[in-house]
PDB file of N, CA and C in Angstrom:
ATOM      1  N   MET A   1      -6.704 -11.562 -22.594  1.00  0.00           N
ATOM      2  CA  MET A   1      -6.696 -11.046 -21.860  1.00  0.00           C
ATOM      3  C   MET A   1      -6.608 -11.345 -20.419  1.00  0.00           C
ATOM      4  N   ALA A   2      -5.736 -11.091 -19.719  1.00  0.00           N
ATOM      5  CA  ALA A   2      -5.226 -11.377 -18.410  1.00  0.00           C
ATOM      6  C   ALA A   2      -6.403 -11.186 -17.654  1.00  0.00           C
ATOM      7  N   ASN A   3      -6.897 -11.904 -16.510  1.00  0.00           N
ATOM      8  CA  ASN A   3      -8.165 -11.590 -15.552  1.00  0.00           C
ATOM      9  C   ASN A   3      -6.975 -10.650 -14.460  1.00  0.00           C
ATOM     10  N   ILE A   4      -7.485  -9.310 -14.232  1.00  0.00           N
ATOM     11  CA  ILE A   4      -6.945  -8.672 -12.965  1.00  0.00           C
ATOM     12  C   ILE A   4      -7.827  -8.401 -11.897  1.00  0.00           C
ATOM     13  N   ILE A   5      -7.522  -9.166 -10.593  1.00  0.00           N
ATOM     14  CA  ILE A   5      -7.605  -8.942  -9.285  1.00  0.00           C
ATOM     15  C   ILE A   5      -8.024  -7.565  -9.220  1.00  0.00           C
ATOM     16  N   TYR A   6      -9.193  -7.460  -8.720  1.00  0.00           N
ATOM     17  CA  TYR A   6      -9.983  -6.193  -8.188  1.00  0.00           C
ATOM     18  C   TYR A   6      -9.618  -4.884  -8.583  1.00  0.00           C
ATOM     19  N   LYS A   7      -9.940  -5.033 -10.344  1.00  0.00           N
ATOM     20  CA  LYS A   7      -9.433  -4.087 -11.302  1.00  0.00           C
ATOM     21  C   LYS A   7      -9.853  -2.640 -10.838  1.00  0.00           C
ATOM     22  N   LYS A   8     -11.568  -2.688 -10.583  1.00  0.00           N
ATOM     23  CA  LYS A   8     -12.168  -1.458 -10.192  1.00  0.00           C
ATOM     24  C   LYS A   8     -11.250  -0.811  -8.944  1.00  0.00           C
ATOM     25  N   GLU A   9     -11.068  -1.294  -7.913  1.00  0.00           N
ATOM     26  CA  GLU A   9     -10.510  -1.335  -6.959  1.00  0.00           C
ATOM     27  C   GLU A   9      -9.309  -0.533  -6.945  1.00  0.00           C
ATOM     28  N   SER A  10      -8.274  -1.374  -7.911  1.00  0.00           N
ATOM     29  CA  SER A  10      -6.907  -0.789  -8.159  1.00  0.00           C
ATOM     30  C   SER A  10      -7.054   0.590  -8.690  1.00  0.00           C
ATOM     31  N   TYR A  11      -7.692   0.170  -9.901  1.00  0.00           N
ATOM     32  CA  TYR A  11      -8.155   1.912 -10.770  1.00  0.00           C
ATOM     33  C   TYR A  11      -8.242   2.951  -9.691  1.00  0.00           C
ATOM     34  N   ALA A  12      -9.216   3.032  -8.600  1.00  0.00           N
ATOM     35  CA  ALA A  12      -9.548   3.929  -7.957  1.00  0.00           C
ATOM     36  C   ALA A  12      -8.399   4.284  -6.832  1.00  0.00           C
ATOM     37  N   ILE A  13      -7.421   3.271  -6.280  1.00  0.00           N
ATOM     38  CA  ILE A  13      -6.242   3.563  -5.671  1.00  0.00           C
ATOM     39  C   ILE A  13      -5.087   4.161  -6.326  1.00  0.00           C
ATOM     40  N   ILE A  14      -4.963   3.874  -7.381  1.00  0.00           N
ATOM     41  CA  ILE A  14      -4.062   4.552  -8.264  1.00  0.00           C
ATOM     42  C   ILE A  14      -4.029   5.534  -8.940  1.00  0.00           C
ATOM     43  N   GLY A  15      -5.357   5.806  -8.884  1.00  0.00           N
ATOM     44  CA  GLY A  15      -5.936   7.351  -8.992  1.00  0.00           C
ATOM     45  C   GLY A  15      -5.579   8.637  -7.873  1.00  0.00           C
ATOM     46  N   ALA A  16      -6.155   7.927  -6.546  1.00  0.00           N
ATOM     47  CA  ALA A  16      -6.006   8.722  -5.852  1.00  0.00           C
ATOM     48  C   ALA A  16      -4.017   9.112  -5.176  1.00  0.00           C
ATOM     49  N   LEU A  17      -3.580   7.680  -5.801  1.00  0.00           N
ATOM     50  CA  LEU A  17      -2.385   8.381  -5.435  1.00  0.00           C
ATOM     51  C   LEU A  17      -1.378   9.060  -6.789  1.00  0.00           C
ATOM     52  N   PHE A  18      -1.961   9.040  -7.758  1.00  0.00           N
ATOM     53  CA  PHE A  18      -1.880  10.090  -8.881  1.00  0.00           C
ATOM     54  C   PHE A  18      -2.160  11.609  -8.730  1.00  0.00           C
ATOM     55  N   SER A  19      -3.490  11.620  -7.902  1.00  0.00           N
ATOM     56  CA  SER A  19      -4.009  13.068  -7.463  1.00  0.00           C
ATOM     57  C   SER A  19      -2.791  13.319  -6.783  1.00  0.00           C
ATOM     58  N   VAL A  20      -2.545  12.922  -5.701  1.00  0.00           N
ATOM     59  CA  VAL A  20      -1.403  13.248  -4.723  1.00  0.00           C
ATOM     60  C   VAL A  20      -0.322  13.776  -4.791  1.00  0.00           C
ATOM     61  N   TYR A  21       0.328  12.746  -6.012  1.00  0.00           N
ATOM     62  CA  TYR A  21       1.758  13.253  -6.718  1.00  0.00           C
ATOM     63  C   TYR A  21       1.151  14.282  -7.800  1.00  0.00           C
ATOM     64  N   ASN A  22       0.326  14.788  -8.563  1.00  0.00           N
ATOM     65  CA  ASN A  22       0.233  15.515  -9.162  1.00  0.00           C
ATOM     66  C   ASN A  22      -0.013  17.004  -8.856  1.00  0.00           C
ATOM     67  N   ASN A  23      -0.577  16.910  -7.477  1.00  0.00           N
ATOM     68  CA  ASN A  23      -0.730  18.032  -6.543  1.00  0.00           C
ATOM     69  C   ASN A  23       0.933  18.618  -5.255  1.00  0.00           C
ATOM     70  N   LEU A  24       1.127  17.018  -4.889  1.00  0.00           N
ATOM     71  CA  LEU A  24       2.335  17.346  -3.929  1.00  0.00           C
ATOM     72  C   LEU A  24       3.827  17.354  -4.631  1.00  0.00           C
ATOM     73  N   GLY A  25       3.719  16.493  -5.994  1.00  0.00           N
ATOM     74  CA  GLY A  25       5.337  16.389  -6.668  1.00  0.00           C
ATOM     75  C   GLY A  25       5.621  15.548  -5.542  1.00  0.00           C
ATOM     76  N   SER A  26       7.090  15.723  -5.870  1.00  0.00           N
ATOM     77  CA  SER A  26       8.352  14.914  -5.387  1.00  0.00           C
ATOM     78  C   SER A  26       8.814  15.737  -4.475  1.00  0.00           C
ATOM     79  N   GLY A  27       9.589  14.850  -3.189  1.00  0.00           N
ATOM     80  CA  GLY A  27      10.761  15.541  -2.186  1.00  0.00           C
ATOM     81  C   GLY A  27      10.415  15.411  -0.843  1.00  0.00           C
ATOM     82  N   PHE A  28       8.816  15.141  -0.272  1.00  0.00           N
ATOM     83  CA  PHE A  28       8.323  14.826   0.791  1.00  0.00           C
ATOM     84  C   PHE A  28       8.482  13.616   1.572  1.00  0.00           C
ATOM     85  N   SER A  29       8.401  13.429   2.723  1.00  0.00           N
ATOM     86  CA  SER A  29       8.693  12.326   3.575  1.00  0.00           C
ATOM     87  C   SER A  29       7.384  11.182   3.508  1.00  0.00           C
ATOM     88  N   GLU A  30       7.412  10.153   3.755  1.00  0.00           N
ATOM     89  CA  GLU A  30       6.506   9.462   3.276  1.00  0.00           C
ATOM     90  C   GLU A  30       5.257   9.887   4.092  1.00  0.00           C
ATOM     91  N   ILE A  31       5.147  10.318   5.392  1.00  0.00           N
ATOM     92  CA  ILE A  31       4.295  10.887   6.384  1.00  0.00           C
ATOM     93  C   ILE A  31       3.398  11.521   5.487  1.00  0.00           C
ATOM     94  N   VAL A  32       4.106  12.131   4.708  1.00  0.00           N
ATOM     95  CA  VAL A  32       3.066  13.556   4.282  1.00  0.00           C
ATOM     96  C   VAL A  32       2.111  13.043   3.137  1.00  0.00           C
ATOM     97  N   TYR A  33       2.891  11.925   2.261  1.00  0.00           N
ATOM     98  CA  TYR A  33       2.310  11.277   1.142  1.00  0.00           C
ATOM     99  C   TYR A  33       1.018  10.479   1.994  1.00  0.00           C
ATOM    100  N   LYS A  34       1.163   9.892   3.062  1.00  0.00           N
ATOM    101  CA  LYS A  34       0.033   9.265   3.645  1.00  0.00           C
ATOM    102  C   LYS A  34      -0.881  10.052   4.207  1.00  0.00           C
ATOM    103  N   ASP A  35      -0.601  11.008   4.895  1.00  0.00           N
ATOM    104  CA  ASP A  35      -1.272  12.228   5.272  1.00  0.00           C
ATOM    105  C   ASP A  35      -2.557  12.543   3.824  1.00  0.00           C
ATOM    106  N   ALA A  36      -1.746  12.816   2.766  1.00  0.00           N
ATOM    107  CA  ALA A  36      -2.705  13.497   1.777  1.00  0.00           C
ATOM    108  C   ALA A  36      -3.343  12.140   1.038  1.00  0.00           C
ATOM    109  N   LEU A  37      -2.813  11.147   1.219  1.00  0.00           N
ATOM    110  CA  LEU A  37      -3.332   9.601   0.892  1.00  0.00           C
ATOM    111  C   LEU A  37      -5.243   9.451   1.427  1.00  0.00           C
ATOM    112  N   GLU A  38      -4.794   9.826   3.024  1.00  0.00           N
ATOM    113  CA  GLU A  38      -6.102   9.340   3.507  1.00  0.00           C
ATOM    114  C   GLU A  38      -7.044  10.562   3.503  1.00  0.00           C
ATOM    115  N   TYR A  39      -6.797  12.039   2.977  1.00  0.00           N
ATOM    116  CA  TYR A  39      -7.148  12.934   2.784  1.00  0.00           C
ATOM    117  C   TYR A  39      -8.254  12.882   1.446  1.00  0.00           C
ATOM    118  N   GLU A  40      -7.350  12.036   0.787  1.00  0.00           N
ATOM    119  CA  GLU A  40      -7.959  11.902  -0.972  1.00  0.00           C
ATOM    120  C   GLU A  40      -8.893  10.862  -0.692  1.00  0.00           C
ATOM    121  N   PHE A  41      -8.402   9.614   0.115  1.00  0.00           N
ATOM    122  CA  PHE A  41      -9.344   8.513  -0.063  1.00  0.00           C
ATOM    123  C   PHE A  41     -10.731   8.914   1.080  1.00  0.00           C
ATOM    124  N   GLN A  42     -10.335   9.817   1.698  1.00  0.00           N
ATOM    125  CA  GLN A  42     -12.034  10.319   2.513  1.00  0.00           C
ATOM    126  C   GLN A  42     -12.609  11.113   1.559  1.00  0.00           C
ATOM    127  N   LEU A  43     -12.132  11.806   0.727  1.00  0.00           N
ATOM    128  CA  LEU A  43     -12.450  13.105  -0.057  1.00  0.00           C
ATOM    129  C   LEU A  43     -13.575  12.109  -1.362  1.00  0.00           C
ATOM    130  N   LEU A  44     -12.846  10.829  -1.752  1.00  0.00           N
ATOM    131  CA  LEU A  44     -13.450   9.784  -2.635  1.00  0.00           C
ATOM    132  C   LEU A  44     -14.351   8.734  -2.204  1.00  0.00           C
ATOM    133  N   ASN A  45     -14.935   9.143  -0.725  1.00  0.00           N
ATOM    134  CA  ASN A  45     -15.555   7.854  -0.221  1.00  0.00           C
ATOM    135  C   ASN A  45     -14.627   6.230  -0.670  1.00  0.00           C
ATOM    136  N   ILE A  46     -13.453   6.323  -0.451  1.00  0.00           N
ATOM    137  CA  ILE A  46     -12.731   4.983  -0.329  1.00  0.00           C
ATOM    138  C   ILE A  46     -12.481   4.618   0.808  1.00  0.00           C
ATOM    139  N   PRO A  47     -12.982   3.100   1.478  1.00  0.00           N
ATOM    140  CA  PRO A  47     -12.969   2.854   2.576  1.00  0.00           C
ATOM    141  C   PRO A  47     -11.217   2.584   2.698  1.00  0.00           C
ATOM    142  N   PHE A  48     -10.823   2.872   4.069  1.00  0.00           N
ATOM    143  CA  PHE A  48      -9.525   2.496   4.025  1.00  0.00           C
ATOM    144  C   PHE A  48      -9.320   1.911   5.748  1.00  0.00           C
ATOM    145  N   GLU A  49      -8.194   1.686   5.958  1.00  0.00           N
ATOM    146  CA  GLU A  49      -7.590   1.499   7.300  1.00  0.00           C
ATOM    147  C   GLU A  49      -6.394   1.813   7.589  1.00  0.00           C
ATOM    148  N   ARG A  50      -5.809   2.779   8.432  1.00  0.00           N
ATOM    149  CA  ARG A  50      -4.354   3.429   8.349  1.00  0.00           C
ATOM    150  C   ARG A  50      -3.646   2.453   8.958  1.00  0.00           C
ATOM    151  N   GLU A  51      -2.354   2.210   9.107  1.00  0.00           N
ATOM    152  CA  GLU A  51      -1.565   1.576   9.980  1.00  0.00           C
ATOM    153  C   GLU A  51      -1.983   0.327  10.661  1.00  0.00           C
ATOM    154  N   LYS A  52      -2.666  -0.621   9.349  1.00  0.00           N
ATOM    155  CA  LYS A  52      -3.319  -1.598  10.336  1.00  0.00           C
ATOM    156  C   LYS A  52      -2.193  -2.496  10.765  1.00  0.00           C
ATOM    157  N   GLN A  53      -2.335  -2.844  11.956  1.00  0.00           N
ATOM    158  CA  GLN A  53      -1.914  -3.986  12.705  1.00  0.00           C
ATOM    159  C   GLN A  53      -2.066  -5.346  12.600  1.00  0.00           C
ATOM    160  N   TYR A  54      -0.829  -6.014  12.171  1.00  0.00           N
ATOM    161  CA  TYR A  54      -1.323  -7.454  12.085  1.00  0.00           C
ATOM    162  C   TYR A  54      -0.017  -8.440  12.726  1.00  0.00           C
ATOM    163  N   ARG A  55      -0.650  -9.668  13.301  1.00  0.00           N
ATOM    164  CA  ARG A  55       0.319 -10.579  14.274  1.00  0.00           C
ATOM    165  C   ARG A  55       0.881 -12.055  13.776  1.00  0.00           C
ATOM    166  N   VAL A  56       1.918 -12.101  13.639  1.00  0.00           N
ATOM    167  CA  VAL A  56       2.215 -13.783  13.159  1.00  0.00           C
ATOM    168  C   VAL A  56       1.759 -14.720  14.441  1.00  0.00           C
ATOM    169  N   ALA A  57       1.531 -15.641  13.527  1.00  0.00           N
ATOM    170  CA  ALA A  57       1.107 -16.810  14.289  1.00  0.00           C
ATOM    171  C   ALA A  57       2.059 -17.738  14.211  1.00  0.00           C
ATOM    172  N   TYR A  58       2.523 -18.226  15.293  1.00  0.00           N
ATOM    173  CA  TYR A  58       3.546 -19.508  14.883  1.00  0.00           C
ATOM    174  C   TYR A  58       3.408 -20.802  15.534  1.00  0.00           C
ATOM    175  N   LYS A  59       3.171 -21.570  15.003  1.00  0.00           N
ATOM    176  CA  LYS A  59       2.583 -23.097  15.331  1.00  0.00           C
ATOM    177  C   LYS A  59       1.556 -22.750  16.811  1.00  0.00           C
ATOM    178  N   ASP A  60       1.784 -22.623  18.022  1.00  0.00           N
ATOM    179  CA  ASP A  60       0.753 -22.483  18.954  1.00  0.00           C
ATOM    180  C   ASP A  60       0.875 -21.072  19.691  1.00  0.00           C
ATOM    181  N   THR A  61       1.740 -20.135  19.035  1.00  0.00           N
ATOM    182  CA  THR A  61       1.608 -18.881  19.668  1.00  0.00           C
ATOM    183  C   THR A  61       1.689 -17.855  18.981  1.00  0.00           C
ATOM    184  N   ILE A  62       1.661 -16.712  19.431  1.00  0.00           N
ATOM    185  CA  ILE A  62       1.618 -15.244  18.551  1.00  0.00           C
ATOM    186  C   ILE A  62       3.007 -14.548  18.885  1.00  0.00           C
ATOM    187  N   LEU A  63       3.743 -14.465  17.465  1.00  0.00           N
ATOM    188  CA  LEU A  63       4.950 -13.746  18.045  1.00  0.00           C
ATOM    189  C   LEU A  63       4.832 -12.177  18.475  1.00  0.00           C
ATOM    190  N   LYS A  64       6.064 -11.998  19.362  1.00  0.00           N
ATOM    191  CA  LYS A  64       5.646 -10.581  20.032  1.00  0.00           C
ATOM    192  C   LYS A  64       5.977  -9.557  18.815  1.00  0.00           C
ATOM    193  N   HIS A  65       6.425  -9.673  17.826  1.00  0.00           N
ATOM    194  CA  HIS A  65       6.903  -8.683  16.412  1.00  0.00           C
ATOM    195  C   HIS A  65       5.623  -8.912  16.271  1.00  0.00           C
ATOM    196  N   LYS A  66       5.092  -7.311  15.683  1.00  0.00           N
ATOM    197  CA  LYS A  66       3.527  -6.845  14.702  1.00  0.00           C
ATOM    198  C   LYS A  66       4.290  -6.225  13.291  1.00  0.00           C
ATOM    199  N   PHE A  67       3.484  -6.627  12.593  1.00  0.00           N
ATOM    200  CA  PHE A  67       3.735  -5.857  11.155  1.00  0.00           C
ATOM    201  C   PHE A  67       2.136  -4.550  11.001  1.00  0.00           C
ATOM    202  N   TYR A  68       2.690  -3.678  10.891  1.00  0.00           N
ATOM    203  CA  TYR A  68       1.960  -2.440  10.504  1.00  0.00           C
ATOM    204  C   TYR A  68       1.910  -1.919   9.164  1.00  0.00           C
ATOM    205  N   ALA A  69       0.695  -2.264   8.255  1.00  0.00           N
ATOM    206  CA  ALA A  69       0.478  -1.950   6.947  1.00  0.00           C
ATOM    207  C   ALA A  69       0.213  -0.676   6.889  1.00  0.00           C
ATOM    208  N   ASP A  70       0.827   0.029   5.836  1.00  0.00           N
ATOM    209  CA  ASP A  70       0.376   1.533   5.781  1.00  0.00           C
ATOM    210  C   ASP A  70      -0.926   1.611   5.679  1.00  0.00           C
ATOM    211  N   PHE A  71      -1.950   1.023   4.745  1.00  0.00           N
ATOM    212  CA  PHE A  71      -2.956   1.268   4.480  1.00  0.00           C
ATOM    213  C   PHE A  71      -3.545  -0.581   4.170  1.00  0.00           C
ATOM    214  N   VAL A  72      -5.179  -0.265   4.160  1.00  0.00           N
ATOM    215  CA  VAL A  72      -5.511  -1.531   3.946  1.00  0.00           C
ATOM    216  C   VAL A  72      -6.832  -1.079   3.336  1.00  0.00           C
ATOM    217  N   VAL A  73      -6.933  -0.951   1.874  1.00  0.00           N
ATOM    218  CA  VAL A  73      -8.121  -0.176   1.579  1.00  0.00           C
ATOM    219  C   VAL A  73      -9.021  -1.373   0.745  1.00  0.00           C
ATOM    220  N   PHE A  74     -10.323  -0.750   0.963  1.00  0.00           N
ATOM    221  CA  PHE A  74     -11.337  -1.997   0.463  1.00  0.00           C
ATOM    222  C   PHE A  74     -11.572  -2.851   1.365  1.00  0.00           C
ATOM    223  N   ASP A  75     -10.661  -3.112   2.674  1.00  0.00           N
ATOM    224  CA  ASP A  75     -10.475  -4.154   3.328  1.00  0.00           C
ATOM    225  C   ASP A  75     -10.033  -5.501   2.892  1.00  0.00           C
ATOM    226  N   LYS A  76      -9.148  -5.310   1.516  1.00  0.00           N
ATOM    227  CA  LYS A  76      -8.939  -6.479   0.925  1.00  0.00           C
ATOM    228  C   LYS A  76      -7.952  -6.196  -0.023  1.00  0.00           C
ATOM    229  N   ILE A  77      -7.244  -4.766   0.049  1.00  0.00           N
ATOM    230  CA  ILE A  77      -5.944  -4.391  -0.775  1.00  0.00           C
ATOM    231  C   ILE A  77      -4.740  -3.777   0.586  1.00  0.00           C
ATOM    232  N   ILE A  78      -3.655  -4.395   0.052  1.00  0.00           N
ATOM    233  CA  ILE A  78      -2.856  -3.532   1.021  1.00  0.00           C
ATOM    234  C   ILE A  78      -2.025  -2.527   0.266  1.00  0.00           C
ATOM    235  N   LEU A  79      -2.088  -1.418   0.847  1.00  0.00           N
ATOM    236  CA  LEU A  79      -1.073  -0.379   0.118  1.00  0.00           C
ATOM    237  C   LEU A  79       0.249   0.152   0.853  1.00  0.00           C
ATOM    238  N   GLU A  80       1.366  -0.083   0.426  1.00  0.00           N
ATOM    239  CA  GLU A  80       2.731   0.185   1.356  1.00  0.00           C
ATOM    240  C   GLU A  80       2.999   1.430   0.299  1.00  0.00           C
ATOM    241  N   ILE A  81       3.484   2.483   0.811  1.00  0.00           N
ATOM    242  CA  ILE A  81       4.052   3.813   0.680  1.00  0.00           C
ATOM    243  C   ILE A  81       5.461   3.576   0.598  1.00  0.00           C
ATOM    244  N   LYS A  82       6.409   4.282  -0.276  1.00  0.00           N
ATOM    245  CA  LYS A  82       7.835   3.875  -0.144  1.00  0.00           C
ATOM    246  C   LYS A  82       8.421   5.684  -0.831  1.00  0.00           C
ATOM    247  N   THR A  83       9.282   6.106  -0.043  1.00  0.00           N
ATOM    248  CA  THR A  83       9.874   7.408  -0.947  1.00  0.00           C
ATOM    249  C   THR A  83      11.336   7.321  -1.043  1.00  0.00           C
ATOM    250  N   VAL A  84      11.900   6.340  -1.861  1.00  0.00           N
ATOM    251  CA  VAL A  84      13.072   5.643  -2.188  1.00  0.00           C
ATOM    252  C   VAL A  84      13.434   5.863  -3.598  1.00  0.00           C
ATOM    253  N   THR A  85      14.816   5.875  -3.724  1.00  0.00           N
ATOM    254  CA  THR A  85      15.488   6.223  -5.238  1.00  0.00           C
ATOM    255  C   THR A  85      14.856   4.818  -5.856  1.00  0.00           C
ATOM    256  N   ASN A  86      15.176   3.677  -5.602  1.00  0.00           N
ATOM    257  CA  ASN A  86      14.564   2.486  -6.494  1.00  0.00           C
ATOM    258  C   ASN A  86      13.940   1.400  -5.228  1.00  0.00           C
ATOM    259  N   LEU A  87      12.991   0.987  -5.702  1.00  0.00           N
ATOM    260  CA  LEU A  87      12.387  -0.225  -5.192  1.00  0.00           C
ATOM    261  C   LEU A  87      13.240  -1.189  -5.015  1.00  0.00           C
ATOM    262  N   HIS A  88      13.529  -2.652  -3.968  1.00  0.00           N
ATOM    263  CA  HIS A  88      14.166  -3.426  -4.119  1.00  0.00           C
ATOM    264  C   HIS A  88      13.350  -4.305  -3.205  1.00  0.00           C
ATOM    265  N   ASP A  89      14.329  -5.643  -3.645  1.00  0.00           N
ATOM    266  CA  ASP A  89      13.478  -6.538  -3.305  1.00  0.00           C
ATOM    267  C   ASP A  89      13.137  -6.611  -1.841  1.00  0.00           C
ATOM    268  N   LYS A  90      13.566  -6.225  -0.750  1.00  0.00           N
ATOM    269  CA  LYS A  90      13.231  -6.065   0.652  1.00  0.00           C
ATOM    270  C   LYS A  90      11.793  -5.488   0.533  1.00  0.00           C
ATOM    271  N   HIS A  91      11.892  -4.405  -0.092  1.00  0.00           N
ATOM    272  CA  HIS A  91      10.130  -3.978  -0.328  1.00  0.00           C
ATOM    273  C   HIS A  91       8.856  -4.867  -0.932  1.00  0.00           C
ATOM    274  N   PHE A  92       9.514  -5.434  -2.037  1.00  0.00           N
ATOM    275  CA  PHE A  92       8.537  -6.606  -2.592  1.00  0.00           C
ATOM    276  C   PHE A  92       8.371  -7.931  -1.176  1.00  0.00           C
ATOM    277  N   GLY A  93       9.532  -8.027  -0.480  1.00  0.00           N
ATOM    278  CA  GLY A  93       8.948  -9.427   0.441  1.00  0.00           C
ATOM    279  C   GLY A  93       8.537  -8.786   1.346  1.00  0.00           C
ATOM    280  N   GLN A  94       8.460  -7.205   1.714  1.00  0.00           N
ATOM    281  CA  GLN A  94       7.758  -6.692   3.106  1.00  0.00           C
ATOM    282  C   GLN A  94       6.309  -7.077   2.806  1.00  0.00           C
ATOM    283  N   CYS A  95       5.906  -6.435   1.219  1.00  0.00           N
ATOM    284  CA  CYS A  95       4.845  -6.754   0.981  1.00  0.00           C
ATOM    285  C   CYS A  95       3.952  -8.235   0.680  1.00  0.00           C
ATOM    286  N   LEU A  96       4.863  -9.189   0.541  1.00  0.00           N
ATOM    287  CA  LEU A  96       4.858 -10.554   0.281  1.00  0.00           C
ATOM    288  C   LEU A  96       4.468 -10.832   2.280  1.00  0.00           C
ATOM    289  N   ASN A  97       5.091 -10.136   3.183  1.00  0.00           N
ATOM    290  CA  ASN A  97       4.905 -10.944   4.596  1.00  0.00           C
ATOM    291  C   ASN A  97       3.356 -10.287   4.919  1.00  0.00           C
ATOM    292  N   TYR A  98       3.193  -9.057   4.305  1.00  0.00           N
ATOM    293  CA  TYR A  98       2.033  -8.115   4.592  1.00  0.00           C
ATOM    294  C   TYR A  98       0.355  -9.056   4.229  1.00  0.00           C
ATOM    295  N   LEU A  99       0.941  -9.534   2.765  1.00  0.00           N
ATOM    296  CA  LEU A  99       0.197 -10.323   2.424  1.00  0.00           C
ATOM    297  C   LEU A  99      -0.460 -11.857   3.008  1.00  0.00           C
ATOM    298  N   LYS A 100       0.665 -12.390   3.561  1.00  0.00           N
ATOM    299  CA  LYS A 100       0.588 -13.517   4.230  1.00  0.00           C
ATOM    300  C   LYS A 100       0.118 -13.273   5.497  1.00  0.00           C
ATOM    301  N   VAL A 101       0.041 -12.649   6.323  1.00  0.00           N
ATOM    302  CA  VAL A 101      -0.289 -12.130   7.432  1.00  0.00           C
ATOM    303  C   VAL A 101      -2.125 -11.744   7.494  1.00  0.00           C
ATOM    304  N   SER A 102      -2.082 -11.160   6.404  1.00  0.00           N
ATOM    305  CA  SER A 102      -3.638 -10.361   6.418  1.00  0.00           C
ATOM    306  C   SER A 102      -4.601 -11.434   5.771  1.00  0.00           C
ATOM    307  N   LYS A 103      -4.054 -12.035   4.903  1.00  0.00           N
ATOM    308  CA  LYS A 103      -4.511 -12.888   3.959  1.00  0.00           C
ATOM    309  C   LYS A 103      -5.525 -12.272   3.199  1.00  0.00           C
ATOM    310  N   CYS A 104      -4.772 -11.228   2.477  1.00  0.00           N
ATOM    311  CA  CYS A 104      -5.389 -10.426   1.599  1.00  0.00           C
ATOM    312  C   CYS A 104      -4.639 -10.775   0.377  1.00  0.00           C
ATOM    313  N   LYS A 105      -5.219 -10.675  -0.957  1.00  0.00           N
ATOM    314  CA  LYS A 105      -4.516 -11.395  -2.190  1.00  0.00           C
ATOM    315  C   LYS A 105      -3.705 -10.033  -3.372  1.00  0.00           C
ATOM    316  N   LEU A 106      -4.060  -9.022  -2.647  1.00  0.00           N
ATOM    317  CA  LEU A 106      -2.873  -8.165  -3.580  1.00  0.00           C
ATOM    318  C   LEU A 106      -2.507  -7.037  -2.986  1.00  0.00           C
ATOM    319  N   ALA A 107      -1.235  -6.690  -3.241  1.00  0.00           N
ATOM    320  CA  ALA A 107      -1.027  -5.349  -2.656  1.00  0.00           C
ATOM    321  C   ALA A 107      -0.688  -4.162  -3.775  1.00  0.00           C
ATOM    322  N   ILE A 108      -0.802  -3.101  -3.080  1.00  0.00           N
ATOM    323  CA  ILE A 108       0.149  -2.273  -4.224  1.00  0.00           C
ATOM    324  C   ILE A 108       1.038  -1.579  -3.642  1.00  0.00           C
ATOM    325  N   LEU A 109       2.655  -1.483  -4.342  1.00  0.00           N
ATOM    326  CA  LEU A 109       3.493  -0.801  -3.450  1.00  0.00           C
ATOM    327  C   LEU A 109       3.505   0.397  -4.300  1.00  0.00           C
ATOM    328  N   ALA A 110       3.665   1.396  -3.658  1.00  0.00           N
ATOM    329  CA  ALA A 110       3.849   2.995  -4.478  1.00  0.00           C
ATOM    330  C   ALA A 110       5.038   3.763  -3.697  1.00  0.00           C
ATOM    331  N   ASN A 111       5.773   4.163  -4.624  1.00  0.00           N
ATOM    332  CA  ASN A 111       6.961   4.880  -4.779  1.00  0.00           C
ATOM    333  C   ASN A 111       6.873   6.148  -5.256  1.00  0.00           C
ATOM    334  N   PHE A 112       6.915   6.996  -4.140  1.00  0.00           N
ATOM    335  CA  PHE A 112       6.685   8.616  -4.457  1.00  0.00           C
ATOM    336  C   PHE A 112       8.171   9.146  -5.172  1.00  0.00           C
ATOM    337  N   HIS A 113       8.837   8.687  -6.141  1.00  0.00           N
ATOM    338  CA  HIS A 113      10.700   8.938  -6.360  1.00  0.00           C
ATOM    339  C   HIS A 113      10.637  10.204  -7.069  1.00  0.00           C
ATOM    340  N   ARG A 114      11.668  10.574  -6.720  1.00  0.00           N
ATOM    341  CA  ARG A 114      11.914  11.961  -7.303  1.00  0.00           C
ATOM    342  C   ARG A 114      11.232  12.488  -8.540  1.00  0.00           C
ATOM    343  N   ASP A 115      11.381  11.618  -9.441  1.00  0.00           N
ATOM    344  CA  ASP A 115      11.108  11.854 -11.179  1.00  0.00           C
ATOM    345  C   ASP A 115       9.670  11.500 -11.547  1.00  0.00           C
ATOM    346  N   LEU A 116       9.269  10.529 -10.525  1.00  0.00           N
ATOM    347  CA  LEU A 116       8.048   9.960 -11.268  1.00  0.00           C
ATOM    348  C   LEU A 116       7.416   9.053  -9.882  1.00  0.00           C
ATOM    349  N   LEU A 117       5.894   8.711 -10.115  1.00  0.00           N
ATOM    350  CA  LEU A 117       5.252   7.902  -8.815  1.00  0.00           C
ATOM    351  C   LEU A 117       5.276   6.581  -9.611  1.00  0.00           C
ATOM    352  N   ASP A 118       5.996   5.720  -9.215  1.00  0.00           N
ATOM    353  CA  ASP A 118       5.918   4.061  -9.772  1.00  0.00           C
ATOM    354  C   ASP A 118       5.097   3.258  -8.546  1.00  0.00           C
ATOM    355  N   HIS A 119       4.471   2.442  -9.103  1.00  0.00           N
ATOM    356  CA  HIS A 119       3.483   1.331  -8.368  1.00  0.00           C
ATOM    357  C   HIS A 119       3.445   0.197  -9.004  1.00  0.00           C
ATOM    358  N   ARG A 120       3.571  -0.804  -8.078  1.00  0.00           N
ATOM    359  CA  ARG A 120       3.275  -2.249  -8.471  1.00  0.00           C
ATOM    360  C   ARG A 120       2.226  -2.938  -8.038  1.00  0.00           C
ATOM    361  N   ARG A 121       1.827  -3.585  -8.812  1.00  0.00           N
ATOM    362  CA  ARG A 121       0.927  -4.733  -8.040  1.00  0.00           C
ATOM    363  C   ARG A 121       1.644  -5.826  -7.547  1.00  0.00           C
ATOM    364  N   ILE A 122       1.493  -6.508  -6.578  1.00  0.00           N
ATOM    365  CA  ILE A 122       2.038  -7.679  -6.231  1.00  0.00           C
ATOM    366  C   ILE A 122       0.709  -8.575  -5.808  1.00  0.00           C
ATOM    367  N   VAL A 123       0.487 -10.026  -6.514  1.00  0.00           N
ATOM    368  CA  VAL A 123      -0.418 -11.083  -6.064  1.00  0.00           C
ATOM    369  C   VAL A 123       0.021 -12.018  -5.449  1.00  0.00           C
ATOM    370  N   LEU A 124      -0.561 -12.326  -4.605  1.00  0.00           N
ATOM    371  CA  LEU A 124      -0.299 -13.902  -3.731  1.00  0.00           C
ATOM    372  C   LEU A 124      -1.219 -14.661  -4.039  1.00  0.00           C
TER     373      LEU A 124
END
């Protein structure tokens, strides 16, 4: 059986995602789901930082563009929220970029789709 990185923490995050989806259902914008997740994380005493800013180092300089991860949970897991019909390569690429600049090893990409809650683990 494969060793799952941050298994306990991942299950707690996914449980919070399902709690939000089971209570709100589909059709809301990303910001509503993010607000609900913030409430859920506080309720469950799950440590998080919302809209965490990351800067990109290039050679001997810091680039002007900044990345903002939706959430950093347990100080080591990136959580990116979407409300799209289908997840695309660009969403996975976004998570990979966040992992690179944050030095985190795991991202969870969650999509509050019209018909279901889809979540994917992305390991760097």
